[in-house]
Amino acid sequence: MQFRLASIVLAGVLLSACNAENQKAKALFASCDTGDAKACNEIAERLRDGKYVLRDNDRAAQLFRKSCDGRVGNGCANLGIVTLTRGFAGDSPTPKKVKPDTVRAIALFQQACDLNGLEGCTRLGTFYRKGTRVDRDFGRAATLYTKACDGGHLDGCSRLASVYAAGEGVTQDYDKARDLSKKSCDAKVALGCVELGRLYAAGTGVTRNDSIAASMYERGCEGREQEGCVQLGKAYESGVGVKQDFDHAGNLYREACEDNHAEGCFREGLLYDKGAGVYRSLKRADALMKKACDLGYAEACNRPKSAPQT
């Protein structure tokens, strides 16, 4: 009887919370309709994520556009992400589907950053760091990551950590890299955990500890940061910091490759080439090497094609 009563009370609490969120969503729609650009961005995020409202990516994109036009930095950043990943014209009630547009996305991230949309700063910094559709500029990347991190965008902190570890555009400083990585990892930013794992693996800024490195990679992988999965796979493949396990390594590489991580495809291909943890298949190895090459992993491009199995 007590269990049944508790269940009824819990259901009532959950229903009340759900109703409160539904009411909030309705209020956001109403505010957006009256010109509140911040409300447009917030309800668009709910539409994109399917949070208390039905998921509607097209409508979300339109509202991100409205929010950005109203000079809301986060709205411009969100519109930039849509433009980069899906493409969006957004000038009509029924949005026109277009191809992803990297150049337009970069302009939107710049606009977002100028309006203190800090995710825009982080994403723009990555374009400058990689030199994708802009001239590579490590100093500019570091400045953008710093602005994002100082403003509380912890993904910016994780990327700034890797900049300090590499000494790209800043004086190399492993202590700063450690502190920034830990700050973001503690806040459950997966990339921060991966960067902290790298420091433990190399013994830079911290005492080398392969077991802690592997645990950091695992946290990153669990947070859907595929670089963490690849680094954890390498640990299992080599038996450094964890017990050697080719099967688990292969599964981690496969997960990363399915998410188009180039090195993940390359590493999985090597396992098929050797028959380690998987049935040996040179045909499968070659296919994975091709995918890795197509994704930009140079080492995969330079490998000779396997001879036919006999």
Protein backbone atom coordinates (compact mmCIF):
# COMPACT_ATOMS: atom_id res chain seq x y z
CA MET A 1 0.00 0.00 0.00
CA GLN A 2 2.82 2.38 0.93
CA PHE A 3 4.64 1.57 -2.34
CA ARG A 4 1.46 2.23 -4.35
CA LEU A 5 0.89 5.54 -2.57
CA ALA A 6 4.52 6.59 -3.17
CA SER A 7 4.14 5.71 -6.87
CA ILE A 8 1.02 7.83 -7.15
CA VAL A 9 2.76 10.77 -5.45
CA LEU A 10 5.81 10.41 -7.72
CA ALA A 11 3.61 10.27 -10.81
CA GLY A 12 1.84 13.42 -9.64
CA VAL A 13 5.13 15.22 -9.14
CA LEU A 14 6.38 14.19 -12.59
CA LEU A 15 3.08 15.19 -14.23
CA SER A 16 3.16 18.54 -12.46
CA ALA A 17 6.74 19.14 -13.64
CA CYS A 18 5.80 18.15 -17.18
CA ASN A 19 2.81 20.48 -17.15
CA ALA A 20 4.99 23.30 -15.82
CA GLU A 21 7.47 22.77 -18.63
CA ASN A 22 4.68 22.66 -21.20
CA GLN A 23 3.37 25.95 -19.85
CA LYS A 24 6.87 27.41 -20.04
CA ALA A 25 7.15 26.28 -23.66
CA LYS A 26 3.85 27.97 -24.49
CA ALA A 27 5.03 31.16 -22.79
CA LEU A 28 8.27 31.08 -24.80
CA PHE A 29 6.34 30.69 -28.06
CA ALA A 30 4.16 33.65 -27.11
CA SER A 31 7.16 35.80 -26.16
CA CYS A 32 8.94 34.91 -29.38
CA ASP A 33 5.85 35.87 -31.40
CA THR A 34 5.93 39.31 -29.77
CA GLY A 35 9.58 39.87 -30.74
CA ASP A 36 11.57 38.51 -27.78
CA ALA A 37 14.65 37.23 -29.63
CA LYS A 38 16.05 35.40 -26.58
CA ALA A 39 12.78 33.51 -26.21
CA CYS A 40 13.00 32.54 -29.89
CA ASN A 41 16.41 30.98 -29.32
CA GLU A 42 15.27 29.14 -26.20
CA ILE A 43 12.16 27.64 -27.78
CA ALA A 44 14.16 26.78 -30.90
CA GLU A 45 16.59 24.79 -28.76
CA ARG A 46 13.64 22.88 -27.32
CA LEU A 47 12.29 22.19 -30.80
CA ARG A 48 15.73 21.00 -31.93
CA ASP A 49 16.14 18.71 -28.92
CA GLY A 50 12.52 17.57 -28.64
CA LYS A 51 12.44 18.84 -25.05
CA TYR A 52 8.83 19.08 -23.86
CA VAL A 53 7.75 19.85 -27.43
CA LEU A 54 7.78 17.76 -30.59
CA ARG A 55 11.13 17.84 -32.38
CA ASP A 56 10.98 20.11 -35.44
CA ASN A 57 14.37 20.94 -36.91
CA ASP A 58 13.01 23.14 -39.69
CA ARG A 59 10.95 25.30 -37.34
CA ALA A 60 13.91 25.44 -34.93
CA ALA A 61 16.16 26.72 -37.72
CA GLN A 62 13.67 29.45 -38.60
CA LEU A 63 13.54 30.59 -34.99
CA PHE A 64 17.33 30.52 -34.66
CA ARG A 65 17.36 32.84 -37.67
CA LYS A 66 14.83 35.14 -36.00
CA SER A 67 16.87 35.12 -32.80
CA CYS A 68 20.10 35.89 -34.64
CA ASP A 69 18.41 38.73 -36.53
CA GLY A 70 17.48 40.04 -33.08
CA ARG A 71 21.19 40.10 -32.16
CA VAL A 72 21.18 37.16 -29.78
CA GLY A 73 24.66 35.64 -29.95
CA ASN A 74 23.60 32.11 -29.02
CA GLY A 75 20.95 32.25 -31.72
CA CYS A 76 23.62 33.06 -34.33
CA ALA A 77 25.81 30.24 -33.01
CA ASN A 78 22.92 27.78 -33.23
CA LEU A 79 22.06 28.96 -36.73
CA GLY A 80 25.72 28.52 -37.66
CA ILE A 81 25.62 24.91 -36.48
CA VAL A 82 22.49 24.28 -38.56
CA THR A 83 24.09 25.91 -41.59
CA LEU A 84 27.26 23.86 -41.13
CA THR A 85 25.57 20.49 -40.61
CA ARG A 86 22.28 20.62 -42.51
CA GLY A 87 22.20 23.77 -44.59
CA PHE A 88 19.38 26.29 -44.28
CA ALA A 89 18.02 29.19 -46.29
CA GLY A 90 15.17 30.05 -43.94
CA ASP A 91 13.62 32.95 -45.83
CA SER A 92 10.20 31.40 -46.38
CA PRO A 93 7.53 29.81 -44.15
CA THR A 94 8.56 26.46 -45.60
CA PRO A 95 12.36 26.55 -45.30
CA LYS A 96 14.28 25.72 -48.43
CA LYS A 97 16.69 22.84 -48.07
CA VAL A 98 20.19 23.73 -49.18
CA LYS A 99 23.58 22.12 -48.89
CA PRO A 100 25.71 22.76 -45.80
CA ASP A 101 27.62 26.01 -46.20
CA THR A 102 30.90 26.22 -44.28
CA VAL A 103 31.68 29.78 -45.35
CA ARG A 104 28.27 31.04 -44.23
CA ALA A 105 28.59 29.10 -40.97
CA ILE A 106 31.96 30.73 -40.25
CA ALA A 107 30.39 34.17 -40.77
CA LEU A 108 27.59 33.26 -38.35
CA PHE A 109 30.07 32.02 -35.73
CA GLN A 110 31.95 35.31 -36.06
CA GLN A 111 28.68 37.22 -35.64
CA ALA A 112 27.81 35.06 -32.64
CA CYS A 113 31.18 35.64 -31.00
CA ASP A 114 30.93 39.41 -31.57
CA LEU A 115 27.59 39.25 -29.72
CA ASN A 116 29.10 37.15 -26.90
CA GLY A 117 27.59 33.91 -28.12
CA LEU A 118 30.46 31.94 -26.65
CA GLU A 119 29.92 28.69 -28.52
CA GLY A 120 30.41 30.74 -31.67
CA CYS A 121 33.84 31.81 -30.35
CA THR A 122 34.81 28.21 -29.65
CA ARG A 123 33.70 26.93 -33.04
CA LEU A 124 35.32 29.83 -34.86
CA GLY A 125 38.54 29.16 -32.97
CA THR A 126 38.58 25.59 -34.26
CA PHE A 127 38.27 26.79 -37.85
CA TYR A 128 41.29 29.07 -37.35
CA ARG A 129 43.23 26.33 -35.61
CA LYS A 130 42.66 23.86 -38.42
CA GLY A 131 42.83 26.40 -41.22
CA THR A 132 39.48 25.27 -42.63
CA ARG A 133 38.18 27.84 -45.14
CA VAL A 134 40.23 30.51 -43.32
CA ASP A 135 43.97 31.12 -43.08
CA ARG A 136 45.38 29.02 -40.24
CA ASP A 137 46.07 31.31 -37.28
CA PHE A 138 46.98 29.65 -33.99
CA GLY A 139 47.13 32.98 -32.17
CA ARG A 140 43.62 33.89 -33.29
CA ALA A 141 42.38 30.45 -32.27
CA ALA A 142 43.90 30.81 -28.80
CA THR A 143 42.33 34.26 -28.38
CA LEU A 144 38.89 32.95 -29.35
CA TYR A 145 39.16 29.92 -27.05
CA THR A 146 40.26 32.21 -24.22
CA LYS A 147 37.25 34.48 -24.70
CA ALA A 148 34.92 31.47 -24.67
CA CYS A 149 36.56 29.90 -21.63
CA ASP A 150 36.71 33.13 -19.63
CA GLY A 151 33.00 33.60 -20.36
CA GLY A 152 32.17 30.16 -18.97
CA HIS A 153 31.93 28.06 -22.15
CA LEU A 154 33.79 25.02 -20.86
CA ASP A 155 34.24 23.38 -24.25
CA GLY A 156 36.34 26.43 -25.02
CA CYS A 157 38.41 25.65 -21.91
CA SER A 158 39.03 22.08 -23.07
CA ARG A 159 40.22 23.29 -26.46
CA LEU A 160 42.34 25.99 -24.88
CA ALA A 161 43.94 23.26 -22.78
CA SER A 162 45.07 21.44 -25.91
CA VAL A 163 46.46 24.72 -27.31
CA TYR A 164 48.57 25.25 -24.17
CA ALA A 165 49.72 21.61 -24.24
CA ALA A 166 50.83 21.97 -27.85
CA GLY A 167 52.17 25.51 -27.53
CA GLU A 168 50.12 26.65 -30.53
CA GLY A 169 49.84 30.44 -30.59
CA VAL A 170 50.74 30.61 -26.89
CA THR A 171 53.76 29.76 -24.76
CA GLN A 172 53.58 26.06 -23.99
CA ASP A 173 52.34 25.63 -20.43
CA TYR A 174 51.46 22.15 -19.19
CA ASP A 175 50.25 23.44 -15.82
CA LYS A 176 47.65 25.62 -17.53
CA ALA A 177 46.75 22.73 -19.81
CA ARG A 178 46.22 20.52 -16.74
CA ASP A 179 44.10 23.07 -14.88
CA LEU A 180 41.92 23.83 -17.90
CA SER A 181 41.48 20.16 -18.74
CA LYS A 182 40.52 19.29 -15.17
CA LYS A 183 38.11 22.23 -14.96
CA SER A 184 36.25 21.13 -18.07
CA CYS A 185 36.41 17.40 -17.30
CA ASP A 186 35.01 17.99 -13.79
CA ALA A 187 32.12 19.79 -15.51
CA LYS A 188 31.56 16.65 -17.65
CA VAL A 189 32.96 18.11 -20.86
CA ALA A 190 34.14 14.95 -22.60
CA LEU A 191 36.96 16.58 -24.56
CA GLY A 192 38.41 17.97 -21.34
CA CYS A 193 38.68 14.43 -19.98
CA VAL A 194 40.43 13.30 -23.17
CA GLU A 195 42.93 16.16 -22.93
CA LEU A 196 43.58 15.35 -19.28
CA GLY A 197 44.14 11.73 -20.27
CA ARG A 198 46.76 12.81 -22.79
CA LEU A 199 48.63 14.69 -20.07
CA TYR A 200 48.61 11.65 -17.78
CA ALA A 201 49.75 9.41 -20.65
CA ALA A 202 52.66 11.72 -21.44
CA GLY A 203 53.48 12.71 -17.85
CA THR A 204 53.29 16.42 -18.69
CA GLY A 205 51.86 18.73 -16.02
CA VAL A 206 51.09 15.64 -13.93
CA THR A 207 52.91 12.49 -12.85
CA ARG A 208 52.59 9.90 -15.59
CA ASN A 209 49.90 7.35 -14.82
CA ASP A 210 48.67 5.12 -17.65
CA SER A 211 45.75 3.78 -15.61
CA ILE A 212 44.42 7.28 -14.89
CA ALA A 213 44.98 8.17 -18.55
CA ALA A 214 42.83 5.21 -19.62
CA SER A 215 40.11 6.16 -17.14
CA MET A 216 40.07 9.70 -18.51
CA TYR A 217 39.79 8.37 -22.07
CA GLU A 218 36.91 6.19 -20.93
CA ARG A 219 35.08 9.18 -19.49
CA GLY A 220 35.60 11.02 -22.75
CA CYS A 221 34.34 8.07 -24.78
CA GLU A 222 31.26 7.72 -22.55
CA GLY A 223 30.59 11.39 -23.26
CA ARG A 224 30.50 10.60 -27.03
CA GLU A 225 33.89 12.22 -27.72
CA GLN A 226 35.19 9.76 -30.27
CA GLU A 227 38.82 10.79 -29.82
CA GLY A 228 38.48 9.36 -26.32
CA CYS A 229 37.20 6.08 -27.76
CA VAL A 230 40.15 5.87 -30.12
CA GLN A 231 42.71 6.61 -27.40
CA LEU A 232 41.04 4.09 -25.11
CA GLY A 233 41.07 1.56 -27.94
CA LYS A 234 44.81 2.09 -28.37
CA ALA A 235 45.29 1.47 -24.65
CA TYR A 236 43.38 -1.82 -24.86
CA GLU A 237 45.22 -2.82 -28.01
CA SER A 238 48.63 -2.24 -26.42
CA GLY A 239 47.70 -3.24 -22.88
CA VAL A 240 49.00 0.04 -21.46
CA GLY A 241 47.07 1.12 -18.37
CA VAL A 242 44.48 -1.64 -18.88
CA LYS A 243 44.50 -5.37 -19.55
CA GLN A 244 45.12 -6.05 -23.24
CA ASP A 245 41.86 -6.80 -25.05
CA PHE A 246 41.80 -6.75 -28.85
CA ASP A 247 38.04 -7.39 -28.97
CA HIS A 248 37.28 -4.32 -26.89
CA ALA A 249 39.79 -2.26 -28.85
CA GLY A 250 38.05 -3.26 -32.08
CA ASN A 251 34.64 -2.31 -30.73
CA LEU A 252 35.92 1.10 -29.69
CA TYR A 253 37.53 1.73 -33.06
CA ARG A 254 34.35 0.61 -34.81
CA GLU A 255 32.22 3.02 -32.78
CA ALA A 256 34.55 5.88 -33.64
CA CYS A 257 34.73 4.94 -37.31
CA GLU A 258 30.95 4.78 -37.59
CA ASP A 259 30.98 8.37 -36.36
CA ASN A 260 33.49 9.22 -39.14
CA HIS A 261 36.57 9.47 -36.94
CA ALA A 262 39.41 8.95 -39.42
CA GLU A 263 41.95 7.38 -37.08
CA GLY A 264 39.27 5.08 -35.69
CA CYS A 265 38.74 3.70 -39.20
CA PHE A 266 42.50 3.38 -39.70
CA ARG A 267 43.01 1.51 -36.43
CA GLU A 268 40.08 -0.80 -37.09
CA GLY A 269 41.55 -1.49 -40.53
CA LEU A 270 44.87 -2.48 -38.97
CA LEU A 271 43.10 -5.01 -36.75
CA TYR A 272 41.41 -6.58 -39.78
CA ASP A 273 44.74 -6.59 -41.59
CA LYS A 274 46.34 -8.52 -38.71
CA GLY A 275 43.30 -10.56 -37.67
CA ALA A 276 43.62 -9.26 -34.09
CA GLY A 277 40.31 -9.53 -32.22
CA VAL A 278 38.47 -10.00 -35.53
CA TYR A 279 38.55 -12.48 -38.39
CA ARG A 280 41.32 -11.48 -40.74
CA SER A 281 39.87 -9.78 -43.82
CA LEU A 282 42.12 -7.86 -46.15
CA LYS A 283 39.10 -6.73 -48.14
CA ARG A 284 37.57 -5.20 -45.02
CA ALA A 285 40.94 -3.72 -44.05
CA ASP A 286 41.27 -2.03 -47.46
CA ALA A 287 37.73 -0.62 -47.24
CA LEU A 288 38.45 0.87 -43.83
CA MET A 289 41.75 2.30 -45.02
CA LYS A 290 39.95 3.94 -47.93
CA LYS A 291 37.39 5.46 -45.61
CA ALA A 292 40.13 6.73 -43.30
CA CYS A 293 41.94 8.24 -46.28
CA ASP A 294 38.75 9.87 -47.57
CA LEU A 295 38.28 11.38 -44.10
CA GLY A 296 41.74 12.93 -44.31
CA TYR A 297 43.99 10.47 -42.44
CA ALA A 298 47.19 10.68 -44.51
CA GLU A 299 48.80 7.51 -43.15
CA ALA A 300 45.90 5.47 -44.49
CA CYS A 301 46.33 7.00 -47.94
CA ASN A 302 49.98 5.99 -48.08
CA ARG A 303 49.46 2.33 -47.24
CA PRO A 304 49.75 -0.09 -50.16
CA LYS A 305 46.61 -2.05 -50.96
CA SER A 306 46.63 -5.54 -49.48
CA ALA A 307 47.45 -8.49 -51.70
CA PRO A 308 44.51 -10.86 -52.31
CA GLN A 309 44.15 -13.60 -49.71
CA THR A 310 44.91 -17.12 -50.86
